């Protein structure tokens, strides 16, 4: 994903905006990313990805997602229909192995 690609599709919050928010505010918990233009408070699709970005920031890494914007949007489209995240899409975006990290936390940002 490139910096100007949207992570929160409901509120059009880009990866760049989230990165800047994380740098500027250094939130202690991922749920505070919602203060960045409401990210994660709409359909909830992006919640595990926001958690992943926060974890990367906490480790001192540059936050990012390793998925194409098209694949990400397709996964969100399926989520809107089925109300279930495809664990493969989450793993692809976050690089987490099966059964680890953000893929296990599809619920609200904590």
C-alpha atoms as a PDB file:
ATOM      1  CA  UNK A   1       0.000   0.000   0.000  1.00  0.00           C
ATOM      2  CA  UNK A   2       1.257   3.458  -0.852  1.00  0.00           C
ATOM      3  CA  UNK A   3       1.035   6.431   1.559  1.00  0.00           C
ATOM      4  CA  UNK A   4      -1.926   8.001  -0.252  1.00  0.00           C
ATOM      5  CA  UNK A   5      -3.968   4.782  -0.335  1.00  0.00           C
ATOM      6  CA  UNK A   6      -6.919   4.635   2.037  1.00  0.00           C
ATOM      7  CA  UNK A   7      -6.792   2.390   5.107  1.00  0.00           C
ATOM      8  CA  UNK A   8     -10.161   3.524   6.478  1.00  0.00           C
ATOM      9  CA  UNK A   9     -12.412   3.365   3.449  1.00  0.00           C
ATOM     10  CA  UNK A  10     -15.482   4.728   5.281  1.00  0.00           C
ATOM     11  CA  UNK A  11     -13.847   8.038   6.182  1.00  0.00           C
ATOM     12  CA  UNK A  12     -11.159   8.111   3.465  1.00  0.00           C
ATOM     13  CA  UNK A  13      -8.254   8.094   5.935  1.00  0.00           C
ATOM     14  CA  UNK A  14      -5.008   7.420   4.115  1.00  0.00           C
ATOM     15  CA  UNK A  15      -1.954   5.566   5.335  1.00  0.00           C
ATOM     16  CA  UNK A  16      -0.066   8.881   5.218  1.00  0.00           C
ATOM     17  CA  UNK A  17      -2.585  10.528   7.575  1.00  0.00           C
ATOM     18  CA  UNK A  18      -2.362   7.613   9.998  1.00  0.00           C
ATOM     19  CA  UNK A  19       1.450   7.661   9.907  1.00  0.00           C
ATOM     20  CA  UNK A  20       1.501  11.394  10.646  1.00  0.00           C
ATOM     21  CA  UNK A  21      -1.039  10.957  13.438  1.00  0.00           C
ATOM     22  CA  UNK A  22       1.060   8.181  15.003  1.00  0.00           C
ATOM     23  CA  UNK A  23       4.218  10.324  14.784  1.00  0.00           C
ATOM     24  CA  UNK A  24       2.548  13.450  16.139  1.00  0.00           C
ATOM     25  CA  UNK A  25       0.362  11.968  18.872  1.00  0.00           C
ATOM     26  CA  UNK A  26       2.233   8.721  19.738  1.00  0.00           C
ATOM     27  CA  UNK A  27      -0.985   7.155  21.087  1.00  0.00           C
ATOM     28  CA  UNK A  28      -0.424   4.573  23.851  1.00  0.00           C
ATOM     29  CA  UNK A  29      -3.243   2.347  22.528  1.00  0.00           C
ATOM     30  CA  UNK A  30      -4.495   1.605  19.020  1.00  0.00           C
ATOM     31  CA  UNK A  31      -8.038   2.736  19.808  1.00  0.00           C
ATOM     32  CA  UNK A  32      -6.847   6.353  19.901  1.00  0.00           C
ATOM     33  CA  UNK A  33      -6.237   6.178  16.159  1.00  0.00           C
ATOM     34  CA  UNK A  34      -9.987   6.833  15.949  1.00  0.00           C
ATOM     35  CA  UNK A  35      -9.096  10.452  16.737  1.00  0.00           C
ATOM     36  CA  UNK A  36      -7.511  10.551  13.276  1.00  0.00           C
ATOM     37  CA  UNK A  37     -10.601  11.567  11.278  1.00  0.00           C
ATOM     38  CA  UNK A  38     -12.702   8.758  12.779  1.00  0.00           C
ATOM     39  CA  UNK A  39     -10.565   5.906  11.434  1.00  0.00           C
ATOM     40  CA  UNK A  40     -11.949   2.552  12.510  1.00  0.00           C
ATOM     41  CA  UNK A  41     -15.343   3.797  13.680  1.00  0.00           C
ATOM     42  CA  UNK A  42     -17.437   3.139  10.554  1.00  0.00           C
ATOM     43  CA  UNK A  43     -17.839  -0.392   9.256  1.00  0.00           C
ATOM     44  CA  UNK A  44     -14.944  -1.648  11.423  1.00  0.00           C
ATOM     45  CA  UNK A  45     -13.166  -3.324   8.460  1.00  0.00           C
ATOM     46  CA  UNK A  46      -9.887  -1.531   9.115  1.00  0.00           C
ATOM     47  CA  UNK A  47      -9.644  -2.288  12.853  1.00  0.00           C
ATOM     48  CA  UNK A  48      -7.107  -5.154  12.639  1.00  0.00           C
ATOM     49  CA  UNK A  49      -5.052  -3.113  10.184  1.00  0.00           C
ATOM     50  CA  UNK A  50      -5.052  -0.087  12.504  1.00  0.00           C
ATOM     51  CA  UNK A  51      -3.899  -2.362  15.324  1.00  0.00           C
ATOM     52  CA  UNK A  52      -1.111  -3.642  13.099  1.00  0.00           C
ATOM     53  CA  UNK A  53      -0.019  -0.112  12.152  1.00  0.00           C
ATOM     54  CA  UNK A  54      -0.015   0.892  15.819  1.00  0.00           C
ATOM     55  CA  UNK A  55       2.086  -2.151  16.747  1.00  0.00           C
ATOM     56  CA  UNK A  56       4.604  -1.297  14.027  1.00  0.00           C
ATOM     57  CA  UNK A  57       4.801   2.283  15.272  1.00  0.00           C
ATOM     58  CA  UNK A  58       5.293   1.066  18.846  1.00  0.00           C
ATOM     59  CA  UNK A  59       8.215  -1.118  17.688  1.00  0.00           C
ATOM     60  CA  UNK A  60       9.799   1.899  15.984  1.00  0.00           C
ATOM     61  CA  UNK A  61       9.037   0.628  12.483  1.00  0.00           C
ATOM     62  CA  UNK A  62       7.522   2.633   9.659  1.00  0.00           C
ATOM     63  CA  UNK A  63       3.827   1.668   9.656  1.00  0.00           C
ATOM     64  CA  UNK A  64       2.684  -0.006   6.470  1.00  0.00           C
ATOM     65  CA  UNK A  65       0.515  -2.684   4.919  1.00  0.00           C
ATOM     66  CA  UNK A  66       1.832  -5.130   2.334  1.00  0.00           C
ATOM     67  CA  UNK A  67      -1.265  -5.464   0.170  1.00  0.00           C
ATOM     68  CA  UNK A  68      -2.458  -3.793  -2.993  1.00  0.00           C
ATOM     69  CA  UNK A  69      -5.219  -1.208  -2.584  1.00  0.00           C
ATOM     70  CA  UNK A  70      -7.361  -3.232  -4.986  1.00  0.00           C
ATOM     71  CA  UNK A  71      -7.036  -6.471  -2.960  1.00  0.00           C
ATOM     72  CA  UNK A  72      -7.678  -4.517   0.248  1.00  0.00           C
ATOM     73  CA  UNK A  73     -10.849  -2.954  -1.187  1.00  0.00           C
ATOM     74  CA  UNK A  74     -12.026  -6.345  -2.504  1.00  0.00           C
ATOM     75  CA  UNK A  75     -11.576  -7.823   0.983  1.00  0.00           C
ATOM     76  CA  UNK A  76     -13.585  -4.971   2.443  1.00  0.00           C
ATOM     77  CA  UNK A  77     -16.314  -5.539  -0.144  1.00  0.00           C
ATOM     78  CA  UNK A  78     -16.544  -9.195   0.879  1.00  0.00           C
ATOM     79  CA  UNK A  79     -16.559  -8.140   4.546  1.00  0.00           C
ATOM     80  CA  UNK A  80     -19.490  -5.791   3.930  1.00  0.00           C
ATOM     81  CA  UNK A  81     -21.441  -8.699   2.415  1.00  0.00           C
ATOM     82  CA  UNK A  82     -20.471 -11.515   4.801  1.00  0.00           C
ATOM     83  CA  UNK A  83     -19.661  -9.560   7.989  1.00  0.00           C
ATOM     84  CA  UNK A  84     -16.516 -11.709   8.296  1.00  0.00           C
ATOM     85  CA  UNK A  85     -12.926 -10.807   7.469  1.00  0.00           C
ATOM     86  CA  UNK A  86     -11.012 -13.158   5.204  1.00  0.00           C
ATOM     87  CA  UNK A  87      -8.014 -14.166   7.368  1.00  0.00           C
ATOM     88  CA  UNK A  88      -5.959 -14.468   4.186  1.00  0.00           C
ATOM     89  CA  UNK A  89      -6.489 -10.796   3.380  1.00  0.00           C
ATOM     90  CA  UNK A  90      -5.504  -9.811   6.927  1.00  0.00           C
ATOM     91  CA  UNK A  91      -2.358 -11.988   6.770  1.00  0.00           C
ATOM     92  CA  UNK A  92      -1.479 -10.622   3.339  1.00  0.00           C
ATOM     93  CA  UNK A  93      -1.783  -7.022   4.535  1.00  0.00           C
ATOM     94  CA  UNK A  94      -0.029  -7.443   7.864  1.00  0.00           C
ATOM     95  CA  UNK A  95       2.473 -10.168   7.052  1.00  0.00           C
ATOM     96  CA  UNK A  96       1.408 -11.983  10.245  1.00  0.00           C
ATOM     97  CA  UNK A  97       1.658 -15.776  10.189  1.00  0.00           C
ATOM     98  CA  UNK A  98      -1.594 -17.748  10.543  1.00  0.00           C
ATOM     99  CA  UNK A  99      -2.992 -17.554  14.076  1.00  0.00           C
ATOM    100  CA  UNK A 100      -0.929 -14.510  15.083  1.00  0.00           C
ATOM    101  CA  UNK A 101      -1.244 -10.772  15.425  1.00  0.00           C
ATOM    102  CA  UNK A 102      -4.004  -8.695  13.901  1.00  0.00           C
ATOM    103  CA  UNK A 103      -5.736 -11.638  12.216  1.00  0.00           C
ATOM    104  CA  UNK A 104      -6.819 -12.853  15.645  1.00  0.00           C
ATOM    105  CA  UNK A 105      -8.326  -9.505  16.638  1.00  0.00           C
ATOM    106  CA  UNK A 106     -11.161  -8.679  14.252  1.00  0.00           C
ATOM    107  CA  UNK A 107     -13.180  -6.772  16.848  1.00  0.00           C
ATOM    108  CA  UNK A 108     -13.122  -3.149  17.974  1.00  0.00           C
ATOM    109  CA  UNK A 109      -9.831  -1.357  18.432  1.00  0.00           C
ATOM    110  CA  UNK A 110      -8.733  -1.666  22.041  1.00  0.00           C
END
